[in-house]
Amino acid sequence: MTLLTNKYFISASIVITALLLAGSFILLTNYYFNTKEINSFTSQCYDHGGQVLLEIHNNFTNDYSFECKR
């Protein structure tokens, strides 16, 4: 019986670890690409002589609103 329980425990541990790694990867790539997007928008705004209005709503997901005023 303990062998059967051990197999389920190991399988569940592997599945949970894989899900955590996948979730972390998705969050990190989302953060990376949002940061690249903000940097691109900011540099384009400054190149056109604008003033950047950036409000970050959520630091964890990097949710933001961006406006370039001339």
N, C-alpha and C. Protein backbone atom coordinates (compact mmCIF):
# COMPACT_ATOMS: atom_id res chain seq x y z
N MET A 1 0.82 -1.20 0.00
CA MET A 1 0.00 0.00 0.00
C MET A 1 0.86 1.26 0.00
N THR A 2 1.99 1.24 0.74
CA THR A 2 2.84 2.42 0.78
C THR A 2 3.51 2.67 -0.57
N LEU A 3 3.78 1.61 -1.32
CA LEU A 3 4.37 1.77 -2.64
C LEU A 3 3.39 2.49 -3.56
N LEU A 4 2.12 2.11 -3.49
CA LEU A 4 1.09 2.75 -4.31
C LEU A 4 0.92 4.21 -3.91
N THR A 5 0.93 4.49 -2.63
CA THR A 5 0.82 5.87 -2.13
C THR A 5 2.04 6.67 -2.54
N ASN A 6 3.21 6.07 -2.48
CA ASN A 6 4.43 6.74 -2.89
C ASN A 6 4.39 7.12 -4.37
N LYS A 7 3.88 6.22 -5.22
CA LYS A 7 3.78 6.51 -6.65
C LYS A 7 2.87 7.71 -6.89
N TYR A 8 1.72 7.75 -6.19
CA TYR A 8 0.81 8.87 -6.36
C TYR A 8 1.42 10.17 -5.84
N PHE A 9 2.13 10.08 -4.73
CA PHE A 9 2.77 11.27 -4.17
C PHE A 9 3.83 11.81 -5.11
N ILE A 10 4.64 10.93 -5.66
CA ILE A 10 5.69 11.36 -6.59
C ILE A 10 5.07 11.93 -7.86
N SER A 11 4.05 11.27 -8.38
CA SER A 11 3.39 11.77 -9.59
C SER A 11 2.75 13.13 -9.34
N ALA A 12 2.07 13.28 -8.22
CA ALA A 12 1.45 14.57 -7.89
C ALA A 12 2.51 15.64 -7.71
N SER A 13 3.62 15.30 -7.09
CA SER A 13 4.71 16.26 -6.90
C SER A 13 5.29 16.72 -8.23
N ILE A 14 5.45 15.80 -9.15
CA ILE A 14 5.98 16.15 -10.47
C ILE A 14 5.00 17.05 -11.21
N VAL A 15 3.72 16.74 -11.17
CA VAL A 15 2.72 17.55 -11.85
C VAL A 15 2.65 18.95 -11.25
N ILE A 16 2.64 19.05 -9.93
CA ILE A 16 2.58 20.36 -9.27
C ILE A 16 3.83 21.17 -9.57
N THR A 17 4.99 20.54 -9.57
CA THR A 17 6.23 21.24 -9.89
C THR A 17 6.22 21.74 -11.33
N ALA A 18 5.75 20.92 -12.24
CA ALA A 18 5.67 21.33 -13.65
C ALA A 18 4.71 22.50 -13.82
N LEU A 19 3.58 22.47 -13.13
CA LEU A 19 2.63 23.58 -13.22
C LEU A 19 3.20 24.87 -12.64
N LEU A 20 3.91 24.76 -11.53
CA LEU A 20 4.54 25.94 -10.95
C LEU A 20 5.61 26.52 -11.87
N LEU A 21 6.40 25.66 -12.46
CA LEU A 21 7.43 26.14 -13.40
C LEU A 21 6.81 26.79 -14.63
N ALA A 22 5.75 26.19 -15.16
CA ALA A 22 5.08 26.76 -16.33
C ALA A 22 4.46 28.11 -15.98
N GLY A 23 3.82 28.20 -14.83
CA GLY A 23 3.22 29.47 -14.40
C GLY A 23 4.26 30.55 -14.20
N SER A 24 5.38 30.18 -13.59
CA SER A 24 6.47 31.14 -13.39
C SER A 24 7.03 31.61 -14.72
N PHE A 25 7.20 30.68 -15.65
CA PHE A 25 7.72 31.03 -16.97
C PHE A 25 6.78 32.00 -17.68
N ILE A 26 5.49 31.76 -17.61
CA ILE A 26 4.51 32.65 -18.25
C ILE A 26 4.54 34.03 -17.63
N LEU A 27 4.59 34.11 -16.30
CA LEU A 27 4.64 35.42 -15.64
C LEU A 27 5.92 36.18 -15.98
N LEU A 28 7.04 35.48 -16.00
CA LEU A 28 8.31 36.14 -16.31
C LEU A 28 8.38 36.62 -17.76
N THR A 29 7.87 35.82 -18.69
CA THR A 29 7.88 36.28 -20.08
C THR A 29 6.92 37.44 -20.28
N ASN A 30 5.78 37.41 -19.59
CA ASN A 30 4.84 38.53 -19.66
C ASN A 30 5.49 39.80 -19.12
N TYR A 31 6.18 39.70 -17.99
CA TYR A 31 6.87 40.84 -17.41
C TYR A 31 7.96 41.36 -18.35
N TYR A 32 8.73 40.45 -18.93
CA TYR A 32 9.82 40.84 -19.83
C TYR A 32 9.29 41.59 -21.05
N PHE A 33 8.26 41.04 -21.70
CA PHE A 33 7.77 41.68 -22.91
C PHE A 33 7.02 42.98 -22.62
N ASN A 34 6.35 43.08 -21.48
CA ASN A 34 5.74 44.35 -21.12
C ASN A 34 6.79 45.42 -20.87
N THR A 35 7.90 45.03 -20.23
CA THR A 35 8.98 45.98 -19.99
C THR A 35 9.60 46.43 -21.30
N LYS A 36 9.82 45.50 -22.23
CA LYS A 36 10.35 45.87 -23.54
C LYS A 36 9.38 46.82 -24.27
N GLU A 37 8.08 46.54 -24.17
CA GLU A 37 7.07 47.37 -24.81
C GLU A 37 7.05 48.78 -24.22
N ILE A 38 7.13 48.88 -22.90
CA ILE A 38 7.16 50.19 -22.24
C ILE A 38 8.40 50.96 -22.66
N ASN A 39 9.55 50.30 -22.71
CA ASN A 39 10.79 50.98 -23.13
C ASN A 39 10.69 51.46 -24.57
N SER A 40 10.08 50.66 -25.43
CA SER A 40 9.92 51.05 -26.83
C SER A 40 8.98 52.25 -26.96
N PHE A 41 7.84 52.19 -26.28
CA PHE A 41 6.89 53.30 -26.33
C PHE A 41 7.51 54.58 -25.78
N THR A 42 8.25 54.45 -24.70
CA THR A 42 8.87 55.62 -24.07
C THR A 42 9.89 56.26 -25.00
N SER A 43 10.75 55.45 -25.59
CA SER A 43 11.77 56.01 -26.48
C SER A 43 11.15 56.63 -27.73
N GLN A 44 10.10 56.03 -28.27
CA GLN A 44 9.42 56.61 -29.43
C GLN A 44 8.74 57.92 -29.07
N CYS A 45 8.18 58.00 -27.88
CA CYS A 45 7.54 59.24 -27.43
C CYS A 45 8.57 60.35 -27.30
N TYR A 46 9.70 60.05 -26.68
CA TYR A 46 10.76 61.05 -26.53
C TYR A 46 11.34 61.45 -27.88
N ASP A 47 11.43 60.52 -28.82
CA ASP A 47 11.94 60.84 -30.15
C ASP A 47 11.04 61.82 -30.88
N HIS A 48 9.74 61.77 -30.60
CA HIS A 48 8.78 62.68 -31.23
C HIS A 48 8.53 63.92 -30.39
N GLY A 49 9.33 64.14 -29.36
CA GLY A 49 9.23 65.34 -28.54
C GLY A 49 8.06 65.33 -27.58
N GLY A 50 7.62 64.18 -27.19
CA GLY A 50 6.48 64.08 -26.29
C GLY A 50 6.88 63.92 -24.84
N GLN A 51 5.86 63.96 -23.99
CA GLN A 51 6.04 63.75 -22.57
C GLN A 51 5.32 62.45 -22.19
N VAL A 52 6.00 61.58 -21.50
CA VAL A 52 5.47 60.26 -21.17
C VAL A 52 4.62 60.35 -19.91
N LEU A 53 3.41 59.79 -19.99
CA LEU A 53 2.56 59.61 -18.82
C LEU A 53 2.33 58.10 -18.68
N LEU A 54 3.02 57.51 -17.73
CA LEU A 54 2.97 56.07 -17.52
C LEU A 54 2.46 55.79 -16.12
N GLU A 55 1.42 54.97 -16.03
CA GLU A 55 0.89 54.56 -14.74
C GLU A 55 0.87 53.04 -14.69
N ILE A 56 1.62 52.49 -13.74
CA ILE A 56 1.66 51.04 -13.56
C ILE A 56 0.61 50.68 -12.52
N HIS A 57 -0.37 49.88 -12.94
CA HIS A 57 -1.50 49.53 -12.07
C HIS A 57 -1.19 48.36 -11.17
N ASN A 58 -0.38 47.41 -11.64
CA ASN A 58 -0.09 46.21 -10.87
C ASN A 58 1.37 45.84 -11.11
N ASN A 59 2.18 45.89 -10.06
CA ASN A 59 3.60 45.58 -10.20
C ASN A 59 3.86 44.10 -10.47
N PHE A 60 2.98 43.23 -10.00
CA PHE A 60 3.19 41.80 -10.17
C PHE A 60 3.01 41.38 -11.63
N THR A 61 1.95 41.88 -12.28
CA THR A 61 1.70 41.53 -13.68
C THR A 61 2.18 42.59 -14.64
N ASN A 62 2.67 43.72 -14.11
CA ASN A 62 3.15 44.84 -14.92
C ASN A 62 2.04 45.40 -15.81
N ASP A 63 0.83 45.44 -15.29
CA ASP A 63 -0.30 46.03 -15.99
C ASP A 63 -0.14 47.55 -15.94
N TYR A 64 -0.28 48.22 -17.07
CA TYR A 64 0.01 49.65 -17.12
C TYR A 64 -0.91 50.37 -18.10
N SER A 65 -0.91 51.70 -17.99
CA SER A 65 -1.54 52.55 -19.00
C SER A 65 -0.48 53.56 -19.43
N PHE A 66 -0.44 53.84 -20.71
CA PHE A 66 0.62 54.69 -21.28
C PHE A 66 -0.03 55.78 -22.13
N GLU A 67 0.53 56.98 -22.01
CA GLU A 67 0.07 58.09 -22.84
C GLU A 67 1.26 58.96 -23.18
N CYS A 68 1.30 59.44 -24.41
CA CYS A 68 2.35 60.33 -24.86
C CYS A 68 1.72 61.66 -25.23
N LYS A 69 2.01 62.69 -24.45
CA LYS A 69 1.46 64.04 -24.72
C LYS A 69 2.51 64.89 -25.40
N ARG A 70 2.07 65.61 -26.39
CA ARG A 70 2.99 66.50 -27.10
C ARG A 70 2.86 67.90 -26.62
